[in-house]
Amino acid sequence: MIGSLRGRLIVKQPPQLLIEVGGVGYELEAPMSTFYALPATGEEVRLLTHLVVREDAQVLYGFVREEERRLFRLLIKVSGVGPKIALAILSGSDAEAFASCIAAGDTASLIRIPGVGRKTAERLILELRDRVTTDAGATPTLGEAAGGGPRGEALAALSALGYRPAEATRMVDAAVGEGGAGAADAPTSTEEIIRRALQSAAFGSGGRSGS
């Protein structure tokens, strides 16, 4: 699996890119959200990637930010949503705005995205609603796009293991001692936060949510 590429940007012609790495040119497709952040042709660029293997082709997709790639990977798991529609969604809406639409059940906004009809919008809301978490008074964010740092990395890892966003947040909060107890010896590494969170789930009242 190709996880990222770093090289010279040769061609950028939406939605296609060509990046030369060690004398080899890699063709990619990318959403407009990535194109907006690209440097000028001839300059060095680093992109996160996702490889889609089909019967007739192998297509590499590139993303500037990890949250874009995470959202792309979530989208292509939805029934009836392929890479083309996923790119259209990322091109027509940033991750936070898309998460807001899902959390609010806003089909009207979703169907404005090219390639997304009412049935697809309803399916997106149905299948992704549990992957979106909304903190009171805050902008909704994708549960998997947990941010950086050890705490964010731990949240992303727990989400990948199948824990719901709200449950993963409770587990990590308990592990790092937010709110009082245990704060003096709160773990600072991602691995230690995950270890304590999983121990809490196994021996405490937490546990993996059902689907």
N, C-alpha and C. Protein backbone atom coordinates (compact mmCIF):
# COMPACT_ATOMS: atom_id res chain seq x y z
N MET A 1 0.85 -1.20 0.00
CA MET A 1 0.00 0.00 0.00
C MET A 1 0.88 1.24 0.00
N ILE A 2 0.64 2.15 -0.93
CA ILE A 2 1.39 3.41 -0.99
C ILE A 2 0.70 4.40 -0.07
N GLY A 3 1.37 4.83 0.99
CA GLY A 3 0.76 5.71 1.97
C GLY A 3 0.98 7.18 1.73
N SER A 4 2.09 7.52 1.07
CA SER A 4 2.37 8.93 0.79
C SER A 4 3.42 9.03 -0.30
N LEU A 5 3.50 10.19 -0.91
CA LEU A 5 4.51 10.48 -1.93
C LEU A 5 5.12 11.85 -1.65
N ARG A 6 6.44 11.93 -1.82
CA ARG A 6 7.12 13.22 -1.75
C ARG A 6 7.97 13.36 -3.01
N GLY A 7 7.72 14.41 -3.76
CA GLY A 7 8.49 14.60 -4.98
C GLY A 7 8.17 15.92 -5.64
N ARG A 8 8.55 16.05 -6.90
CA ARG A 8 8.37 17.29 -7.64
C ARG A 8 7.04 17.28 -8.38
N LEU A 9 6.28 18.35 -8.21
CA LEU A 9 4.99 18.46 -8.87
C LEU A 9 5.20 18.85 -10.34
N ILE A 10 4.84 17.93 -11.23
CA ILE A 10 5.07 18.13 -12.66
C ILE A 10 3.84 18.70 -13.35
N VAL A 11 2.69 18.11 -13.07
CA VAL A 11 1.44 18.52 -13.71
C VAL A 11 0.35 18.63 -12.67
N LYS A 12 -0.45 19.68 -12.74
CA LYS A 12 -1.67 19.76 -11.93
C LYS A 12 -2.80 20.28 -12.81
N GLN A 13 -3.64 19.36 -13.20
CA GLN A 13 -4.76 19.65 -14.08
C GLN A 13 -5.98 18.93 -13.52
N PRO A 14 -6.79 19.62 -12.71
CA PRO A 14 -7.89 18.97 -12.00
C PRO A 14 -8.70 18.02 -12.88
N PRO A 15 -8.94 16.78 -12.36
CA PRO A 15 -8.55 16.30 -11.03
C PRO A 15 -7.23 15.55 -11.02
N GLN A 16 -6.40 15.71 -12.06
CA GLN A 16 -5.21 14.88 -12.20
C GLN A 16 -3.94 15.62 -11.78
N LEU A 17 -3.03 14.83 -11.20
CA LEU A 17 -1.71 15.31 -10.80
C LEU A 17 -0.66 14.34 -11.31
N LEU A 18 0.54 14.86 -11.52
CA LEU A 18 1.69 14.02 -11.83
C LEU A 18 2.83 14.46 -10.93
N ILE A 19 3.33 13.53 -10.12
CA ILE A 19 4.42 13.82 -9.20
C ILE A 19 5.59 12.90 -9.53
N GLU A 20 6.75 13.51 -9.71
CA GLU A 20 7.95 12.74 -10.02
C GLU A 20 8.71 12.43 -8.73
N VAL A 21 8.89 11.15 -8.47
CA VAL A 21 9.59 10.70 -7.27
C VAL A 21 10.75 9.80 -7.70
N GLY A 22 11.97 10.26 -7.52
CA GLY A 22 13.12 9.45 -7.88
C GLY A 22 13.15 9.05 -9.34
N GLY A 23 12.71 9.92 -10.21
CA GLY A 23 12.72 9.64 -11.64
C GLY A 23 11.49 8.91 -12.15
N VAL A 24 10.57 8.55 -11.24
CA VAL A 24 9.34 7.85 -11.62
C VAL A 24 8.16 8.81 -11.46
N GLY A 25 7.33 8.91 -12.50
CA GLY A 25 6.17 9.80 -12.43
C GLY A 25 4.93 9.06 -11.96
N TYR A 26 4.32 9.55 -10.90
CA TYR A 26 3.10 8.94 -10.35
C TYR A 26 1.90 9.80 -10.72
N GLU A 27 0.92 9.18 -11.35
CA GLU A 27 -0.33 9.87 -11.68
C GLU A 27 -1.30 9.70 -10.53
N LEU A 28 -1.92 10.78 -10.12
CA LEU A 28 -2.89 10.76 -9.03
C LEU A 28 -4.12 11.55 -9.42
N GLU A 29 -5.21 11.30 -8.71
CA GLU A 29 -6.38 12.15 -8.78
C GLU A 29 -6.58 12.75 -7.39
N ALA A 30 -7.05 13.98 -7.35
CA ALA A 30 -7.18 14.67 -6.06
C ALA A 30 -8.40 15.58 -6.08
N PRO A 31 -8.99 15.84 -4.90
CA PRO A 31 -10.12 16.76 -4.82
C PRO A 31 -9.65 18.20 -4.92
N MET A 32 -10.57 19.11 -5.18
CA MET A 32 -10.20 20.51 -5.30
C MET A 32 -9.67 21.06 -3.98
N SER A 33 -10.12 20.52 -2.87
CA SER A 33 -9.61 20.98 -1.57
C SER A 33 -8.10 20.79 -1.48
N THR A 34 -7.58 19.75 -2.14
CA THR A 34 -6.13 19.53 -2.19
C THR A 34 -5.48 20.46 -3.21
N PHE A 35 -6.12 20.64 -4.37
CA PHE A 35 -5.55 21.52 -5.40
C PHE A 35 -5.34 22.93 -4.88
N TYR A 36 -6.26 23.43 -4.06
CA TYR A 36 -6.14 24.79 -3.54
C TYR A 36 -4.87 24.98 -2.71
N ALA A 37 -4.37 23.87 -2.12
CA ALA A 37 -3.22 23.97 -1.22
C ALA A 37 -1.91 23.56 -1.88
N LEU A 38 -1.92 23.24 -3.17
CA LEU A 38 -0.72 22.79 -3.85
C LEU A 38 0.22 23.95 -4.16
N PRO A 39 1.53 23.67 -4.17
CA PRO A 39 2.48 24.70 -4.60
C PRO A 39 2.47 24.81 -6.13
N ALA A 40 3.30 25.67 -6.66
CA ALA A 40 3.42 25.81 -8.11
C ALA A 40 4.10 24.59 -8.72
N THR A 41 3.81 24.33 -9.98
CA THR A 41 4.48 23.21 -10.65
C THR A 41 5.99 23.43 -10.63
N GLY A 42 6.70 22.32 -10.48
CA GLY A 42 8.15 22.38 -10.38
C GLY A 42 8.65 22.37 -8.95
N GLU A 43 7.74 22.65 -7.99
CA GLU A 43 8.14 22.66 -6.59
C GLU A 43 7.88 21.31 -5.94
N GLU A 44 8.49 21.11 -4.77
CA GLU A 44 8.32 19.85 -4.06
C GLU A 44 6.99 19.82 -3.32
N VAL A 45 6.39 18.65 -3.27
CA VAL A 45 5.11 18.49 -2.59
C VAL A 45 5.08 17.12 -1.92
N ARG A 46 4.36 17.03 -0.83
CA ARG A 46 4.14 15.74 -0.18
C ARG A 46 2.63 15.54 -0.05
N LEU A 47 2.16 14.39 -0.51
CA LEU A 47 0.74 14.07 -0.44
C LEU A 47 0.53 12.73 0.24
N LEU A 48 -0.51 12.66 1.05
CA LEU A 48 -0.98 11.38 1.57
C LEU A 48 -1.78 10.71 0.46
N THR A 49 -1.75 9.40 0.38
CA THR A 49 -2.37 8.73 -0.75
C THR A 49 -3.26 7.57 -0.32
N HIS A 50 -4.14 7.20 -1.23
CA HIS A 50 -4.98 6.01 -1.07
C HIS A 50 -5.08 5.33 -2.42
N LEU A 51 -4.77 4.04 -2.47
CA LEU A 51 -4.79 3.28 -3.72
C LEU A 51 -6.08 2.50 -3.84
N VAL A 52 -6.78 2.69 -4.95
CA VAL A 52 -7.99 1.93 -5.24
C VAL A 52 -7.69 0.98 -6.39
N VAL A 53 -7.90 -0.31 -6.14
CA VAL A 53 -7.63 -1.33 -7.15
C VAL A 53 -8.95 -1.82 -7.73
N ARG A 54 -9.10 -1.65 -9.05
CA ARG A 54 -10.27 -2.14 -9.75
C ARG A 54 -9.86 -3.23 -10.72
N GLU A 55 -10.83 -3.87 -11.31
CA GLU A 55 -10.52 -4.92 -12.27
C GLU A 55 -9.77 -4.38 -13.48
N ASP A 56 -10.09 -3.16 -13.86
CA ASP A 56 -9.51 -2.60 -15.08
C ASP A 56 -8.46 -1.52 -14.83
N ALA A 57 -8.20 -1.18 -13.57
CA ALA A 57 -7.24 -0.10 -13.31
C ALA A 57 -6.84 -0.06 -11.83
N GLN A 58 -5.72 0.59 -11.58
CA GLN A 58 -5.29 0.92 -10.23
C GLN A 58 -5.14 2.44 -10.18
N VAL A 59 -5.92 3.07 -9.33
CA VAL A 59 -5.96 4.53 -9.28
C VAL A 59 -5.46 5.02 -7.93
N LEU A 60 -4.52 5.95 -7.97
CA LEU A 60 -3.95 6.52 -6.75
C LEU A 60 -4.58 7.89 -6.51
N TYR A 61 -5.07 8.12 -5.29
CA TYR A 61 -5.69 9.38 -4.93
C TYR A 61 -4.80 10.10 -3.92
N GLY A 62 -4.69 11.43 -4.07
CA GLY A 62 -3.80 12.20 -3.21
C GLY A 62 -4.54 13.25 -2.41
N PHE A 63 -4.01 13.52 -1.19
CA PHE A 63 -4.65 14.45 -0.27
C PHE A 63 -3.58 15.22 0.51
N VAL A 64 -3.83 16.51 0.69
CA VAL A 64 -2.90 17.33 1.45
C VAL A 64 -3.01 17.06 2.94
N ARG A 65 -4.25 16.88 3.41
CA ARG A 65 -4.46 16.74 4.85
C ARG A 65 -5.00 15.35 5.19
N GLU A 66 -4.63 14.88 6.37
CA GLU A 66 -5.07 13.57 6.82
C GLU A 66 -6.58 13.50 6.95
N GLU A 67 -7.22 14.59 7.38
CA GLU A 67 -8.67 14.56 7.55
C GLU A 67 -9.38 14.37 6.21
N GLU A 68 -8.77 14.85 5.12
CA GLU A 68 -9.35 14.63 3.80
C GLU A 68 -9.30 13.15 3.44
N ARG A 69 -8.15 12.53 3.67
CA ARG A 69 -8.01 11.11 3.35
C ARG A 69 -8.94 10.26 4.21
N ARG A 70 -9.05 10.60 5.50
CA ARG A 70 -9.95 9.85 6.37
C ARG A 70 -11.39 9.94 5.88
N LEU A 71 -11.79 11.16 5.49
CA LEU A 71 -13.16 11.32 5.00
C LEU A 71 -13.36 10.56 3.70
N PHE A 72 -12.39 10.61 2.81
CA PHE A 72 -12.46 9.85 1.55
C PHE A 72 -12.65 8.37 1.85
N ARG A 73 -11.88 7.84 2.79
CA ARG A 73 -11.98 6.42 3.12
C ARG A 73 -13.32 6.07 3.74
N LEU A 74 -13.87 6.98 4.53
CA LEU A 74 -15.21 6.76 5.07
C LEU A 74 -16.25 6.74 3.96
N LEU A 75 -16.13 7.68 3.04
CA LEU A 75 -17.13 7.83 2.00
C LEU A 75 -17.19 6.62 1.08
N ILE A 76 -16.05 6.09 0.68
CA ILE A 76 -16.07 4.98 -0.27
C ILE A 76 -16.54 3.67 0.36
N LYS A 77 -16.72 3.67 1.68
CA LYS A 77 -17.30 2.50 2.34
C LYS A 77 -18.83 2.55 2.33
N VAL A 78 -19.39 3.70 1.99
CA VAL A 78 -20.84 3.85 1.96
C VAL A 78 -21.38 3.20 0.69
N SER A 79 -22.42 2.43 0.83
CA SER A 79 -23.03 1.74 -0.31
C SER A 79 -23.42 2.73 -1.40
N GLY A 80 -22.95 2.48 -2.61
CA GLY A 80 -23.30 3.33 -3.75
C GLY A 80 -22.42 4.55 -3.93
N VAL A 81 -21.45 4.74 -3.05
CA VAL A 81 -20.55 5.89 -3.15
C VAL A 81 -19.16 5.40 -3.55
N GLY A 82 -18.73 5.74 -4.74
CA GLY A 82 -17.41 5.37 -5.21
C GLY A 82 -16.44 6.52 -5.11
N PRO A 83 -15.20 6.31 -5.56
CA PRO A 83 -14.19 7.37 -5.49
C PRO A 83 -14.59 8.65 -6.21
N LYS A 84 -15.30 8.52 -7.34
CA LYS A 84 -15.67 9.72 -8.10
C LYS A 84 -16.59 10.62 -7.28
N ILE A 85 -17.61 10.03 -6.65
CA ILE A 85 -18.51 10.83 -5.82
C ILE A 85 -17.79 11.35 -4.59
N ALA A 86 -16.90 10.52 -4.02
CA ALA A 86 -16.14 10.96 -2.85
C ALA A 86 -15.30 12.18 -3.17
N LEU A 87 -14.67 12.19 -4.35
CA LEU A 87 -13.89 13.36 -4.76
C LEU A 87 -14.78 14.58 -4.94
N ALA A 88 -15.98 14.36 -5.49
CA ALA A 88 -16.91 15.48 -5.69
C ALA A 88 -17.32 16.07 -4.35
N ILE A 89 -17.56 15.21 -3.37
CA ILE A 89 -17.94 15.69 -2.03
C ILE A 89 -16.81 16.50 -1.42
N LEU A 90 -15.58 15.98 -1.51
CA LEU A 90 -14.44 16.70 -0.96
C LEU A 90 -14.15 18.00 -1.72
N SER A 91 -14.50 18.02 -3.00
CA SER A 91 -14.29 19.23 -3.80
C SER A 91 -15.34 20.28 -3.52
N GLY A 92 -16.55 19.84 -3.16
CA GLY A 92 -17.64 20.78 -2.94
C GLY A 92 -17.89 21.16 -1.51
N SER A 93 -17.18 20.51 -0.57
CA SER A 93 -17.42 20.78 0.85
C SER A 93 -16.20 20.36 1.64
N ASP A 94 -15.78 21.20 2.61
CA ASP A 94 -14.68 20.76 3.46
C ASP A 94 -15.20 19.78 4.51
N ALA A 95 -14.28 19.14 5.23
CA ALA A 95 -14.65 18.07 6.15
C ALA A 95 -15.60 18.56 7.24
N GLU A 96 -15.35 19.76 7.77
CA GLU A 96 -16.20 20.26 8.85
C GLU A 96 -17.61 20.56 8.36
N ALA A 97 -17.72 21.17 7.17
CA ALA A 97 -19.04 21.48 6.63
C ALA A 97 -19.81 20.21 6.31
N PHE A 98 -19.11 19.21 5.78
CA PHE A 98 -19.76 17.94 5.47
C PHE A 98 -20.25 17.27 6.76
N ALA A 99 -19.40 17.29 7.79
CA ALA A 99 -19.78 16.70 9.07
C ALA A 99 -21.00 17.39 9.65
N SER A 100 -21.08 18.71 9.48
CA SER A 100 -22.23 19.46 9.97
C SER A 100 -23.51 19.01 9.26
N CYS A 101 -23.42 18.81 7.95
CA CYS A 101 -24.59 18.36 7.18
C CYS A 101 -25.05 16.98 7.65
N ILE A 102 -24.10 16.10 7.88
CA ILE A 102 -24.44 14.74 8.32
C ILE A 102 -25.09 14.79 9.70
N ALA A 103 -24.49 15.54 10.62
CA ALA A 103 -25.02 15.62 11.98
C ALA A 103 -26.42 16.22 12.01
N ALA A 104 -26.68 17.17 11.11
CA ALA A 104 -27.97 17.85 11.08
C ALA A 104 -28.99 17.14 10.20
N GLY A 105 -28.55 16.09 9.46
CA GLY A 105 -29.45 15.42 8.54
C GLY A 105 -29.86 16.32 7.39
N ASP A 106 -28.94 17.18 6.95
CA ASP A 106 -29.24 18.21 5.96
C ASP A 106 -29.09 17.66 4.54
N THR A 107 -30.13 16.98 4.05
CA THR A 107 -30.07 16.42 2.70
C THR A 107 -30.06 17.52 1.64
N ALA A 108 -30.72 18.65 1.91
CA ALA A 108 -30.79 19.74 0.93
C ALA A 108 -29.40 20.23 0.55
N SER A 109 -28.51 20.36 1.53
CA SER A 109 -27.16 20.82 1.23
C SER A 109 -26.36 19.75 0.51
N LEU A 110 -26.55 18.50 0.91
CA LEU A 110 -25.79 17.41 0.31
C LEU A 110 -26.12 17.23 -1.17
N ILE A 111 -27.39 17.38 -1.53
CA ILE A 111 -27.76 17.13 -2.93
C ILE A 111 -27.30 18.25 -3.86
N ARG A 112 -26.76 19.32 -3.31
CA ARG A 112 -26.17 20.37 -4.15
C ARG A 112 -24.79 19.96 -4.67
N ILE A 113 -24.21 18.92 -4.07
CA ILE A 113 -22.90 18.43 -4.49
C ILE A 113 -23.09 17.60 -5.75
N PRO A 114 -22.32 17.86 -6.81
CA PRO A 114 -22.47 17.10 -8.05
C PRO A 114 -22.36 15.59 -7.82
N GLY A 115 -23.31 14.84 -8.38
CA GLY A 115 -23.28 13.39 -8.27
C GLY A 115 -24.03 12.85 -7.07
N VAL A 116 -24.46 13.72 -6.17
CA VAL A 116 -25.18 13.29 -4.97
C VAL A 116 -26.66 13.60 -5.13
N GLY A 117 -27.46 12.55 -5.31
CA GLY A 117 -28.90 12.70 -5.37
C GLY A 117 -29.52 12.52 -4.00
N ARG A 118 -30.84 12.58 -3.94
CA ARG A 118 -31.51 12.48 -2.65
C ARG A 118 -31.27 11.12 -1.98
N LYS A 119 -31.36 10.05 -2.76
CA LYS A 119 -31.16 8.73 -2.16
C LYS A 119 -29.74 8.56 -1.62
N THR A 120 -28.77 9.07 -2.38
CA THR A 120 -27.38 8.99 -1.91
C THR A 120 -27.18 9.85 -0.66
N ALA A 121 -27.78 11.03 -0.64
CA ALA A 121 -27.67 11.91 0.53
C ALA A 121 -28.27 11.23 1.76
N GLU A 122 -29.42 10.62 1.60
CA GLU A 122 -30.06 9.94 2.72
C GLU A 122 -29.21 8.76 3.20
N ARG A 123 -28.58 8.06 2.25
CA ARG A 123 -27.73 6.94 2.62
C ARG A 123 -26.48 7.41 3.36
N LEU A 124 -25.92 8.52 2.90
CA LEU A 124 -24.75 9.09 3.58
C LEU A 124 -25.08 9.43 5.03
N ILE A 125 -26.22 10.06 5.23
CA ILE A 125 -26.62 10.45 6.59
C ILE A 125 -26.85 9.22 7.45
N LEU A 126 -27.53 8.23 6.88
CA LEU A 126 -27.84 7.01 7.63
C LEU A 126 -26.58 6.26 8.03
N GLU A 127 -25.63 6.11 7.10
CA GLU A 127 -24.47 5.28 7.36
C GLU A 127 -23.33 6.01 8.07
N LEU A 128 -23.31 7.36 7.99
CA LEU A 128 -22.20 8.10 8.59
C LEU A 128 -22.56 8.85 9.86
N ARG A 129 -23.86 8.88 10.20
CA ARG A 129 -24.26 9.68 11.37
C ARG A 129 -23.52 9.24 12.63
N ASP A 130 -23.32 7.94 12.80
CA ASP A 130 -22.64 7.45 13.99
C ASP A 130 -21.15 7.73 13.97
N ARG A 131 -20.62 8.15 12.83
CA ARG A 131 -19.20 8.46 12.74
C ARG A 131 -18.94 9.94 12.93
N VAL A 132 -19.98 10.70 13.22
CA VAL A 132 -19.86 12.13 13.43
C VAL A 132 -20.22 12.44 14.86
N THR A 133 -19.39 13.21 15.51
CA THR A 133 -19.67 13.58 16.90
C THR A 133 -19.79 15.08 17.01
N THR A 134 -20.73 15.55 17.81
CA THR A 134 -20.93 16.98 18.00
C THR A 134 -20.82 17.31 19.48
N ASP A 135 -19.84 18.13 19.83
CA ASP A 135 -19.73 18.60 21.20
C ASP A 135 -20.66 19.78 21.38
N ALA A 136 -21.24 19.89 22.55
CA ALA A 136 -22.18 20.98 22.81
C ALA A 136 -21.53 22.33 22.53
N GLY A 137 -22.19 23.09 21.66
CA GLY A 137 -21.69 24.43 21.35
C GLY A 137 -20.50 24.47 20.44
N ALA A 138 -20.08 23.32 19.90
CA ALA A 138 -18.90 23.29 19.04
C ALA A 138 -19.28 22.85 17.64
N THR A 139 -18.39 23.09 16.71
CA THR A 139 -18.63 22.66 15.34
C THR A 139 -18.48 21.15 15.25
N PRO A 140 -19.42 20.45 14.61
CA PRO A 140 -19.30 19.01 14.48
C PRO A 140 -18.04 18.64 13.70
N THR A 141 -17.40 17.56 14.12
CA THR A 141 -16.22 17.07 13.42
C THR A 141 -16.33 15.58 13.25
N LEU A 142 -15.64 15.06 12.24
CA LEU A 142 -15.66 13.63 12.04
C LEU A 142 -14.99 12.94 13.21
N GLY A 143 -15.61 11.89 13.69
CA GLY A 143 -15.06 11.17 14.82
C GLY A 143 -13.65 10.67 14.56
N GLU A 144 -13.36 10.25 13.32
CA GLU A 144 -12.05 9.72 13.03
C GLU A 144 -11.02 10.83 12.88
N ALA A 145 -11.49 12.02 12.49
CA ALA A 145 -10.55 13.12 12.33
C ALA A 145 -10.32 13.76 13.68
N ALA A 146 -9.56 13.07 14.51
CA ALA A 146 -9.48 13.44 15.91
C ALA A 146 -8.44 14.51 16.20
N GLY A 147 -7.72 14.95 15.21
CA GLY A 147 -6.73 15.97 15.44
C GLY A 147 -5.37 15.37 15.72
N GLY A 148 -4.39 16.23 16.03
CA GLY A 148 -3.03 15.77 16.24
C GLY A 148 -2.72 15.56 17.70
N GLY A 149 -1.45 15.23 17.98
CA GLY A 149 -1.01 15.01 19.33
C GLY A 149 -1.40 13.63 19.83
N PRO A 150 -0.83 13.21 20.97
CA PRO A 150 -1.10 11.88 21.50
C PRO A 150 -2.58 11.62 21.75
N ARG A 151 -3.31 12.61 22.28
CA ARG A 151 -4.73 12.41 22.55
C ARG A 151 -5.51 12.18 21.26
N GLY A 152 -5.25 13.03 20.24
CA GLY A 152 -5.93 12.88 18.97
C GLY A 152 -5.59 11.58 18.28
N GLU A 153 -4.32 11.18 18.35
CA GLU A 153 -3.91 9.92 17.75
C GLU A 153 -4.57 8.73 18.45
N ALA A 154 -4.71 8.83 19.76
CA ALA A 154 -5.38 7.76 20.51
C ALA A 154 -6.85 7.66 20.13
N LEU A 155 -7.51 8.81 19.98
CA LEU A 155 -8.91 8.82 19.56
C LEU A 155 -9.07 8.18 18.18
N ALA A 156 -8.17 8.52 17.26
CA ALA A 156 -8.24 7.96 15.91
C ALA A 156 -8.03 6.45 15.95
N ALA A 157 -7.09 5.98 16.79
CA ALA A 157 -6.82 4.56 16.89
C ALA A 157 -8.03 3.80 17.45
N LEU A 158 -8.67 4.35 18.46
CA LEU A 158 -9.84 3.70 19.04
C LEU A 158 -11.00 3.68 18.05
N SER A 159 -11.15 4.75 17.26
CA SER A 159 -12.18 4.76 16.23
C SER A 159 -11.92 3.66 15.20
N ALA A 160 -10.63 3.49 14.84
CA ALA A 160 -10.28 2.46 13.87
C ALA A 160 -10.54 1.06 14.43
N LEU A 161 -10.50 0.93 15.74
CA LEU A 161 -10.78 -0.36 16.38
C LEU A 161 -12.28 -0.64 16.48
N GLY A 162 -13.09 0.35 16.17
CA GLY A 162 -14.53 0.12 16.15
C GLY A 162 -15.32 0.81 17.24
N TYR A 163 -14.66 1.61 18.08
CA TYR A 163 -15.37 2.32 19.13
C TYR A 163 -16.06 3.55 18.56
N ARG A 164 -17.26 3.83 19.04
CA ARG A 164 -17.99 5.02 18.61
C ARG A 164 -17.24 6.26 19.10
N PRO A 165 -17.36 7.39 18.37
CA PRO A 165 -16.63 8.60 18.76
C PRO A 165 -16.85 9.04 20.20
N ALA A 166 -18.13 9.06 20.65
CA ALA A 166 -18.42 9.50 22.01
C ALA A 166 -17.79 8.55 23.03
N GLU A 167 -17.85 7.26 22.74
CA GLU A 167 -17.28 6.27 23.65
C GLU A 167 -15.76 6.39 23.70
N ALA A 168 -15.13 6.56 22.52
CA ALA A 168 -13.68 6.71 22.46
C ALA A 168 -13.24 7.94 23.24
N THR A 169 -14.01 9.03 23.14
CA THR A 169 -13.68 10.25 23.87
C THR A 169 -13.75 10.03 25.37
N ARG A 170 -14.79 9.33 25.84
CA ARG A 170 -14.89 9.03 27.27
C ARG A 170 -13.71 8.19 27.75
N MET A 171 -13.33 7.20 26.94
CA MET A 171 -12.22 6.32 27.32
C MET A 171 -10.91 7.09 27.41
N VAL A 172 -10.66 7.97 26.43
CA VAL A 172 -9.42 8.72 26.43
C VAL A 172 -9.41 9.74 27.56
N ASP A 173 -10.55 10.39 27.80
CA ASP A 173 -10.63 11.34 28.91
C ASP A 173 -10.30 10.67 30.23
N ALA A 174 -10.84 9.46 30.41
CA ALA A 174 -10.56 8.72 31.64
C ALA A 174 -9.08 8.34 31.71
N ALA A 175 -8.51 7.98 30.57
CA ALA A 175 -7.11 7.55 30.55
C ALA A 175 -6.15 8.67 30.88
N VAL A 176 -6.45 9.89 30.40
CA VAL A 176 -5.54 11.00 30.66
C VAL A 176 -5.89 11.75 31.94
N GLY A 177 -6.99 11.35 32.58
CA GLY A 177 -7.33 11.93 33.87
C GLY A 177 -7.95 13.29 33.79
N GLU A 178 -8.64 13.62 32.66
CA GLU A 178 -9.28 14.92 32.56
C GLU A 178 -10.42 15.00 33.57
N GLY A 179 -10.50 16.13 34.20
CA GLY A 179 -11.58 16.34 35.15
C GLY A 179 -11.18 16.07 36.58
N GLY A 180 -9.90 15.73 36.82
CA GLY A 180 -9.49 15.57 38.20
C GLY A 180 -8.68 14.33 38.45
N ALA A 181 -9.35 13.22 38.76
CA ALA A 181 -8.66 12.02 39.21
C ALA A 181 -7.62 11.55 38.21
N GLY A 182 -6.43 11.25 38.74
CA GLY A 182 -5.37 10.69 37.92
C GLY A 182 -4.58 11.70 37.12
N ALA A 183 -4.88 12.99 37.27
CA ALA A 183 -4.23 13.99 36.44
C ALA A 183 -2.73 14.08 36.70
N ALA A 184 -2.30 13.80 37.93
CA ALA A 184 -0.90 13.94 38.28
C ALA A 184 -0.02 12.98 37.51
N ASP A 185 -0.54 11.78 37.23
CA ASP A 185 0.27 10.81 36.50
C ASP A 185 -0.33 10.51 35.14
N ALA A 186 -0.97 11.53 34.55
CA ALA A 186 -1.61 11.33 33.25
C ALA A 186 -0.58 10.92 32.21
N PRO A 187 -0.89 9.95 31.36
CA PRO A 187 0.05 9.49 30.34
C PRO A 187 0.25 10.56 29.27
N THR A 188 1.44 10.58 28.70
CA THR A 188 1.75 11.59 27.69
C THR A 188 1.98 10.98 26.30
N SER A 189 2.19 9.67 26.21
CA SER A 189 2.42 9.05 24.92
C SER A 189 1.12 8.45 24.37
N THR A 190 1.03 8.39 23.05
CA THR A 190 -0.15 7.80 22.41
C THR A 190 -0.36 6.36 22.86
N GLU A 191 0.72 5.59 22.89
CA GLU A 191 0.62 4.17 23.24
C GLU A 191 0.09 3.97 24.66
N GLU A 192 0.56 4.81 25.59
CA GLU A 192 0.13 4.67 26.98
C GLU A 192 -1.33 5.07 27.14
N ILE A 193 -1.76 6.12 26.42
CA ILE A 193 -3.17 6.53 26.48
C ILE A 193 -4.06 5.41 25.97
N ILE A 194 -3.68 4.80 24.83
CA ILE A 194 -4.47 3.70 24.27
C ILE A 194 -4.50 2.52 25.24
N ARG A 195 -3.34 2.19 25.81
CA ARG A 195 -3.28 1.05 26.73
C ARG A 195 -4.21 1.25 27.92
N ARG A 196 -4.17 2.45 28.52
CA ARG A 196 -5.03 2.72 29.68
C ARG A 196 -6.50 2.75 29.28
N ALA A 197 -6.77 3.31 28.10
CA ALA A 197 -8.16 3.38 27.64
C ALA A 197 -8.74 1.99 27.43
N LEU A 198 -7.95 1.10 26.82
CA LEU A 198 -8.42 -0.26 26.57
C LEU A 198 -8.56 -1.04 27.88
N GLN A 199 -7.66 -0.79 28.82
CA GLN A 199 -7.79 -1.44 30.13
C GLN A 199 -9.07 -0.99 30.82
N SER A 200 -9.37 0.29 30.71
CA SER A 200 -10.60 0.82 31.30
C SER A 200 -11.82 0.17 30.67
N ALA A 201 -11.78 -0.05 29.34
CA ALA A 201 -12.90 -0.68 28.66
C ALA A 201 -13.06 -2.12 29.06
N ALA A 202 -11.91 -2.80 29.26
CA ALA A 202 -11.94 -4.24 29.57
C ALA A 202 -12.35 -4.51 31.01
N PHE A 203 -11.91 -3.66 31.92
CA PHE A 203 -12.13 -3.94 33.33
C PHE A 203 -13.10 -2.98 34.01
N GLY A 204 -13.49 -1.93 33.27
CA GLY A 204 -14.43 -0.98 33.84
C GLY A 204 -15.80 -1.20 33.27
N SER A 205 -16.54 -0.11 33.15
CA SER A 205 -17.91 -0.19 32.67
C SER A 205 -18.00 0.02 31.18
N GLY A 206 -16.86 0.42 30.52
CA GLY A 206 -16.89 0.67 29.08
C GLY A 206 -16.88 -0.60 28.29
N GLY A 207 -16.82 -0.45 26.96
CA GLY A 207 -16.80 -1.60 26.08
C GLY A 207 -17.11 -1.16 24.68
N ARG A 208 -16.92 -2.08 23.77
CA ARG A 208 -17.17 -1.75 22.38
C ARG A 208 -18.64 -1.68 22.08
N SER A 209 -19.03 -0.64 21.36
CA SER A 209 -20.43 -0.47 21.01
C SER A 209 -20.83 -1.44 19.94
N GLY A 210 -22.07 -1.80 19.94
CA GLY A 210 -22.57 -2.64 18.88
C GLY A 210 -22.82 -1.81 17.63
N SER A 211 -22.93 -2.49 16.50
CA SER A 211 -23.13 -1.79 15.25
C SER A 211 -24.59 -1.48 15.04
